[in-house]
Protein backbone atom coordinates (compact mmCIF):
# COMPACT_ATOMS: atom_id res chain seq x y z
CA MET A 1 121.09 70.39 140.14
CA THR A 2 123.73 71.29 142.81
CA ALA A 3 126.98 69.71 143.44
CA GLY A 4 126.81 66.33 144.98
CA GLU A 5 123.51 65.25 143.67
CA THR A 6 124.71 62.68 141.18
CA PRO A 7 124.90 59.40 142.49
CA ILE A 8 128.14 57.24 143.16
CA ARG A 9 127.99 54.02 141.67
CA HIS A 10 131.45 52.57 142.08
CA PRO A 11 133.37 52.02 145.55
CA ALA A 12 136.56 53.60 144.40
CA ALA A 13 134.93 57.05 143.79
CA LEU A 14 133.04 56.50 147.06
CA ALA A 15 136.28 56.10 149.05
CA GLY A 16 137.99 59.13 147.53
CA ARG A 17 135.02 61.22 148.62
CA VAL A 18 134.62 59.95 151.98
CA ALA A 19 138.66 60.08 152.81
CA SER A 20 138.22 63.68 152.79
CA TRP A 21 136.15 63.93 155.55
CA PRO A 22 136.98 65.60 159.01
CA ALA A 23 137.42 63.29 161.79
CA ALA A 24 134.20 63.21 164.15
CA LEU A 25 132.37 66.12 162.16
CA PRO A 26 128.48 65.06 162.47
CA LEU A 27 127.61 63.12 159.58
CA ALA A 28 123.87 64.00 158.21
CA VAL A 29 122.09 60.67 156.93
CA ASP A 30 118.99 59.79 155.15
CA THR A 31 117.71 56.70 153.09
CA GLU A 32 115.52 55.84 150.23
CA PHE A 33 114.17 52.54 150.20
CA VAL A 34 111.06 50.13 149.17
CA ARG A 35 109.13 47.90 150.73
CA GLU A 36 105.92 47.36 149.48
CA ARG A 37 106.77 43.65 148.11
CA THR A 38 108.98 42.51 150.74
CA TYR A 39 109.77 42.27 154.08
CA PHE A 40 112.93 43.76 154.62
CA PRO A 41 113.53 47.20 153.50
CA LYS A 42 114.98 47.11 150.22
CA LEU A 43 117.66 50.08 150.23
CA CYS A 44 118.09 52.16 147.15
CA LEU A 45 120.10 55.26 147.99
CA ILE A 46 121.82 56.70 150.90
CA GLN A 47 122.34 60.55 151.45
CA ALA A 48 124.56 62.09 153.53
CA ALA A 49 125.95 65.45 154.06
CA ILE A 50 128.92 66.57 155.91
CA GLY A 51 131.01 69.76 156.20
CA GLY A 52 128.75 71.45 153.35
CA GLU A 53 129.37 68.51 151.02
CA ILE A 54 126.37 66.27 149.83
CA VAL A 55 127.09 62.63 148.73
CA LEU A 56 124.36 60.28 147.21
CA VAL A 57 125.24 56.68 147.07
CA ASP A 58 123.56 54.30 144.94
CA ALA A 59 122.82 51.35 147.18
CA LEU A 60 121.61 49.29 144.34
CA ALA A 61 125.28 49.60 142.63
CA ILE A 62 127.15 49.64 145.91
CA ALA A 63 125.16 47.06 148.06
CA ASP A 64 127.53 46.81 150.93
CA GLY A 65 127.56 50.71 151.38
CA GLY A 66 131.39 50.57 150.66
CA ALA A 67 133.11 53.36 152.74
CA LEU A 68 129.97 54.80 153.79
CA ALA A 69 129.08 52.03 155.57
CA ARG A 70 132.22 51.96 157.68
CA GLU A 71 131.74 55.71 158.63
CA LEU A 72 127.88 55.01 159.65
CA ALA A 73 129.44 52.14 161.81
CA ASP A 74 131.91 54.31 163.28
CA ASP A 75 130.39 55.37 166.85
CA ARG A 76 133.16 57.91 167.13
CA ARG A 77 131.11 59.90 164.59
CA PRO A 78 127.91 61.70 165.46
CA LYS A 79 124.69 60.68 162.97
CA LEU A 80 122.36 63.30 162.45
CA LEU A 81 118.70 62.07 161.12
CA HIS A 82 114.98 62.86 160.91
CA ALA A 83 112.67 60.04 162.25
CA ALA A 84 115.55 57.74 162.47
CA ARG A 85 113.91 54.60 163.09
CA GLN A 86 113.08 53.58 159.86
CA ASP A 87 116.41 54.75 158.22
CA ILE A 88 118.75 52.67 160.96
CA GLU A 89 116.51 49.42 160.18
CA ALA A 90 117.20 50.11 156.46
CA LEU A 91 120.98 50.46 157.19
CA LEU A 92 121.34 47.58 159.46
CA PRO A 93 122.52 45.27 156.92
CA LEU A 94 125.48 47.52 156.18
CA THR A 95 126.16 48.55 159.83
CA GLY A 96 125.67 45.28 161.72
CA ALA A 97 124.32 47.49 164.40
CA PRO A 98 121.87 50.51 165.27
CA LEU A 99 123.68 53.86 164.34
CA ALA A 100 125.20 55.48 167.23
CA PRO A 101 125.41 57.93 168.72
CA VAL A 102 122.35 59.42 167.00
CA PHE A 103 120.68 63.03 167.07
CA ASP A 104 117.12 62.65 165.81
CA THR A 105 115.56 66.10 164.95
CA GLN A 106 112.33 64.46 165.38
CA GLN A 107 112.77 63.46 168.73
CA ALA A 108 114.68 66.67 169.58
CA ALA A 109 111.60 68.75 168.04
CA ALA A 110 109.08 66.68 170.12
CA LEU A 111 110.84 67.47 173.34
CA LEU A 112 110.57 71.29 172.41
CA GLY A 113 106.86 71.05 171.95
CA PHE A 114 106.32 70.28 168.19
CA PRO A 115 104.19 67.33 167.29
CA ALA A 116 105.47 63.90 168.14
CA GLN A 117 105.34 62.96 164.35
CA VAL A 118 106.40 66.47 162.72
CA GLY A 119 107.72 66.06 159.32
CA TYR A 120 111.34 67.13 158.36
CA ALA A 121 110.04 69.54 155.73
CA GLU A 122 107.68 71.14 158.19
CA LEU A 123 110.14 71.44 160.91
CA VAL A 124 112.49 73.05 158.41
CA ARG A 125 110.13 75.69 157.42
CA GLN A 126 109.06 76.52 161.18
CA VAL A 127 112.89 76.36 162.10
CA LEU A 128 115.01 77.54 159.22
CA ASP A 129 112.43 79.46 157.17
CA VAL A 130 112.84 77.28 154.16
CA GLU A 131 110.20 75.73 151.99
CA LEU A 132 111.46 72.31 150.57
CA ALA A 133 110.05 71.07 147.38
CA LYS A 134 107.18 68.59 147.42
CA GLY A 135 105.90 65.96 144.95
CA HIS A 136 108.67 63.00 145.38
CA ALA A 137 107.69 61.44 148.47
CA ARG A 138 105.97 58.28 146.78
CA THR A 139 108.81 57.98 144.41
CA ASP A 140 109.68 54.40 143.42
CA TRP A 141 113.44 54.79 144.36
CA ALA A 142 114.41 51.20 142.94
CA GLN A 143 113.87 52.70 139.37
CA ARG A 144 116.85 53.45 137.59
CA PRO A 145 117.78 56.36 136.28
CA LEU A 146 116.45 58.53 138.98
CA SER A 147 115.57 62.05 137.70
CA PRO A 148 117.28 65.27 138.44
CA GLU A 149 114.14 66.50 140.31
CA GLN A 150 114.18 63.25 142.34
CA LEU A 151 117.84 63.39 142.98
CA ALA A 152 117.66 67.08 144.36
CA TYR A 153 114.49 66.13 146.65
CA ALA A 154 116.80 63.45 147.91
CA ALA A 155 119.63 65.82 148.45
CA ASP A 156 117.23 68.17 150.37
CA ASP A 157 116.70 65.78 152.78
CA VAL A 158 120.16 66.01 154.00
CA ARG A 159 120.95 69.49 153.01
CA TYR A 160 119.42 71.23 156.00
CA LEU A 161 119.80 68.66 158.75
CA PRO A 162 123.08 69.87 159.97
CA GLU A 163 121.48 73.40 160.44
CA LEU A 164 118.30 72.23 162.02
CA ALA A 165 119.91 69.65 164.25
CA ALA A 166 122.19 72.86 165.63
CA ALA A 167 119.32 75.12 166.05
CA LEU A 168 117.56 72.64 167.72
CA GLU A 169 120.48 71.55 170.20
CA GLU A 170 120.71 75.31 171.14
CA LYS A 171 116.89 75.64 172.04
CA LEU A 172 116.97 72.15 173.96
CA ALA A 173 120.25 73.35 175.66
CA ALA A 174 118.21 76.64 176.95
CA ALA A 175 115.07 74.57 177.86
CA GLY A 176 117.73 72.35 180.21
CA ARG A 177 116.53 69.40 177.90
CA ARG A 178 119.63 68.56 175.99
CA ALA A 179 120.13 65.17 178.38
CA TRP A 180 116.59 64.36 177.82
CA LEU A 181 117.45 63.75 174.12
CA ASP A 182 120.42 61.60 175.54
CA GLU A 183 118.00 59.49 176.85
CA GLU A 184 115.73 59.28 173.98
CA SER A 185 118.78 58.49 171.44
CA ALA A 186 120.10 55.81 173.56
CA SER A 187 116.50 53.79 173.40
CA LEU A 188 117.60 53.63 169.18
CA ARG A 189 120.55 51.50 170.14
CA GLU A 190 118.20 48.62 170.95
CA VAL A 191 117.96 46.12 168.39
CA SER A 192 114.54 45.09 169.53
CA LEU A 193 113.19 48.04 167.48
CA TYR A 194 114.22 46.58 164.33
CA ARG A 195 113.50 42.99 164.72
CA VAL A 196 110.36 41.42 165.41
CA GLU A 197 110.88 37.97 167.19
CA PRO A 198 108.23 35.77 165.74
CA ALA A 199 107.06 34.74 169.49
CA GLU A 200 106.52 38.56 169.98
CA ALA A 201 104.63 39.52 166.84
CA TRP A 202 101.23 39.20 168.66
CA ARG A 203 101.82 42.46 170.44
CA ARG A 204 101.65 44.07 166.68
CA LEU A 205 97.70 43.18 166.75
CA LYS A 206 95.33 45.81 167.49
CA GLY A 207 92.48 44.36 170.08
CA ILE A 208 94.22 40.90 170.78
CA ASP A 209 93.61 41.80 174.24
CA ARG A 210 89.77 41.41 174.05
CA LEU A 211 89.64 37.67 173.09
CA ASP A 212 89.09 34.92 175.36
CA ALA A 213 91.79 32.80 176.25
CA PRO A 214 91.47 30.20 173.82
CA SER A 215 91.15 32.90 170.78
CA PHE A 216 94.08 34.62 172.30
CA ALA A 217 96.15 31.47 172.25
CA ALA A 218 95.38 30.99 168.81
CA ALA A 219 96.15 34.56 167.62
CA ARG A 220 99.25 34.70 169.36
CA ALA A 221 100.19 31.29 167.32
CA LEU A 222 99.17 32.77 164.19
CA ALA A 223 100.94 35.54 164.58
CA ALA A 224 104.34 33.69 165.33
CA TRP A 225 103.77 31.61 161.99
CA ARG A 226 102.87 34.40 160.07
CA GLU A 227 106.07 36.58 161.25
CA SER A 228 108.24 33.51 160.43
CA ARG A 229 106.67 32.84 157.18
CA ALA A 230 106.79 36.57 156.09
CA MET A 231 110.79 36.49 157.37
CA SER A 232 111.76 33.52 155.66
CA ARG A 233 110.10 34.50 152.11
CA ASP A 234 110.56 38.25 152.58
CA LEU A 235 107.34 38.85 151.64
CA PRO A 236 104.79 41.51 153.73
CA ARG A 237 102.73 40.13 156.61
CA GLY A 238 99.58 41.01 154.95
CA TRP A 239 100.28 39.16 151.93
CA ILE A 240 100.85 35.93 154.10
CA LEU A 241 97.77 36.48 156.42
CA SER A 242 96.05 39.64 157.07
CA ASP A 243 95.06 40.85 160.50
CA ALA A 244 91.41 39.89 159.56
CA ALA A 245 92.33 36.79 158.99
CA ILE A 246 94.03 35.89 162.09
CA TYR A 247 91.03 37.05 164.01
CA GLU A 248 88.70 35.18 162.13
CA LEU A 249 90.64 32.07 162.32
CA ALA A 250 91.61 32.49 166.07
CA GLU A 251 87.97 33.01 166.97
CA SER A 252 86.43 30.04 165.02
CA ARG A 253 89.27 27.71 165.31
CA PRO A 254 88.66 25.58 162.47
CA ALA A 255 90.03 21.73 162.88
CA THR A 256 89.91 20.53 159.28
CA ARG A 257 90.80 21.77 155.92
CA GLU A 258 87.20 21.88 155.06
CA ALA A 259 86.38 23.92 157.73
CA LEU A 260 89.42 26.13 156.97
CA ALA A 261 88.03 26.58 153.49
CA ARG A 262 85.07 28.25 154.53
CA ILE A 263 86.97 30.95 156.28
CA ALA A 264 86.46 33.88 154.18
CA ALA A 265 89.32 36.01 155.12
CA VAL A 266 91.80 33.37 154.25
CA ALA A 267 92.72 33.47 150.62
CA LYS A 268 92.23 29.93 148.74
CA GLY A 269 95.67 29.73 147.87
CA THR A 270 96.88 30.19 151.24
CA ALA A 271 94.46 27.77 152.79
CA ALA A 272 95.38 24.97 149.87
CA ARG A 273 99.47 25.86 150.55
CA ALA A 274 99.39 26.19 154.23
CA GLY A 275 96.47 24.33 155.37
CA GLU A 276 98.20 21.73 157.70
CA GLU A 277 100.39 24.63 159.18
CA LEU A 278 97.65 26.86 159.69
CA LEU A 279 95.40 24.20 161.49
CA ALA A 280 98.64 22.75 163.48
CA ALA A 281 99.22 26.59 164.89
CA ILE A 282 95.64 26.88 165.82
CA ALA A 283 95.48 23.47 167.46
CA GLY A 284 99.14 24.21 169.20
CA PRO A 285 99.98 25.31 173.15
CA ALA A 286 96.89 25.32 175.48
CA PRO A 287 95.41 28.85 176.53
CA ASP A 288 97.40 28.52 179.87
CA ALA A 289 100.86 28.35 178.41
CA GLU A 290 100.33 31.36 176.45
CA PRO A 291 100.43 34.45 179.29
CA ARG A 292 99.15 37.92 178.18
CA GLY A 293 101.96 39.28 180.31
CA GLU A 294 99.50 41.69 181.82
CA ASP A 295 95.73 42.24 183.10
CA THR A 296 94.36 43.78 180.13
CA GLY A 297 90.62 42.92 181.20
CA ARG A 298 87.72 45.78 181.04
CA PRO A 299 88.36 48.28 183.45
CA GLY A 300 85.88 48.67 186.22
CA PRO A 301 84.76 51.92 187.90
CA GLU A 302 87.76 52.54 190.26
CA GLN A 303 90.11 51.90 187.55
CA LEU A 304 88.17 54.13 185.10
CA ARG A 305 88.49 56.89 187.94
CA ARG A 306 92.18 56.49 188.43
CA GLN A 307 92.45 56.79 184.75
CA LYS A 308 90.67 60.05 184.16
CA ALA A 309 92.48 61.40 187.11
CA LEU A 310 95.74 60.40 185.54
CA GLN A 311 95.04 61.96 181.99
CA GLN A 312 93.95 65.34 183.52
CA ALA A 313 97.61 65.04 185.47
CA LEU A 314 99.03 64.72 182.38
CA ALA A 315 97.18 67.35 180.63
CA ALA A 316 98.49 69.94 183.15
CA VAL A 317 101.84 68.68 182.91
CA SER A 318 101.99 68.91 179.19
CA ALA A 319 100.58 72.35 179.58
CA GLU A 320 103.26 73.28 182.04
CA LEU A 321 105.95 71.90 180.12
CA ARG A 322 104.61 72.72 176.60
CA ILE A 323 105.16 69.18 175.59
CA GLU A 324 102.41 66.96 173.50
CA PRO A 325 100.89 64.50 176.05
CA GLU A 326 101.73 61.61 173.81
CA VAL A 327 105.40 62.45 174.26
CA LEU A 328 105.38 62.16 178.19
CA ALA A 329 102.97 59.20 178.14
CA THR A 330 100.91 57.16 176.75
CA ARG A 331 97.16 56.08 176.88
CA ARG A 332 98.66 52.25 177.44
CA GLU A 333 100.88 53.54 180.03
CA LEU A 334 98.15 55.47 182.26
CA ALA A 335 96.18 52.28 181.71
CA ALA A 336 98.72 50.47 183.06
CA LEU A 337 99.05 52.92 186.13
CA ALA A 338 95.56 52.72 186.85
CA ARG A 339 95.78 48.96 187.31
CA GLY A 340 98.28 49.18 189.54
CA ALA A 341 101.57 48.68 187.30
CA ARG A 342 104.79 50.57 188.22
CA ASN A 343 107.41 49.10 185.31
CA VAL A 344 106.42 51.65 182.97
CA PRO A 345 108.53 54.11 180.73
CA VAL A 346 107.03 57.22 182.40
CA LEU A 347 108.48 55.99 185.59
CA SER A 348 112.24 56.05 184.77
CA GLY A 349 114.50 58.25 183.40
CA TRP A 350 113.81 62.17 182.93
CA ARG A 351 110.07 61.36 182.40
CA LYS A 352 109.98 60.14 186.27
CA ALA A 353 110.78 63.70 187.67
CA ALA A 354 109.19 65.79 184.96
CA VAL A 355 105.89 63.86 185.10
CA GLY A 356 105.79 60.44 186.64
CA GLU A 357 105.70 61.41 190.20
CA LYS A 358 103.07 63.80 189.24
CA LEU A 359 100.96 61.06 187.84
CA LEU A 360 101.50 58.79 190.76
CA ALA A 361 100.14 61.78 193.10
CA ALA A 362 97.10 62.11 191.24
CA LEU A 363 95.84 58.36 191.97
């Protein structure tokens, strides 16, 4: 192992390391966590790199993050991350607020034409010509002790971040897109990205808009119940109630325990323990009290024509800018534009001038 790959387990030792860090120098950050059996991510390891020094913090031993947590919460120090959203969520209990300011190398790469979800190892390979070791992505990071190979793998996740971020920043500046990344980074400060309000949990259900009004109301209520129960018990949503169960319950809408027991997608234990709560959710607010928020009915011929025109215009802009289409606008945004909606992300910020106005011209 190289220096810095021995996890720090004592707050005093961590404070001593952090005290030597130069002020305002960017801090590369990554986390390792597990959440297969929990609702909230269980933070296990925090990796940090600054000025050529790598620090691994055992988050199971220093649960509050110690001196590192104060550095992470300091908005005077830039933070460098890759695919930052999950790491920011995992760190929220330590920082109290989303990290800022953040330079997300995945966001930066997407603005330079890389795939929207390009992985860290692939980006390091293409930009820095460095091959990273593979084989520990599925590690149980809660186990102790971690092997030297696991620790080296974890350290590599921040070892190259400063150099990678510098290279991408130079490319963004040359392309005149550095301000675009500032806008993307600002969105990471929204707490709503990391906390799901139970009343909004229905928006995570794919295909819910195809349900009729009574089924939609029931599915929305069931999704809220599931979210609240998963949060209070710190269990995965699917352990509480599967999406399939929500849809089957919403469409059949059982009114008695006997009818509920006949729903195959609902585990018998769940029906026994939470039957009354499920029935109450299903029989809750009337459909007209549960607005969908937008017209999502089946598109007619004219709307389909507009959507096709928008897709063609987006493809042309994508080719011109050499940016993947989904980075510029999503299919849902195109459908909303075709319906006449104008309060969509592609019509705000840098996207409005780069692509939004051209999409409107195609209608």
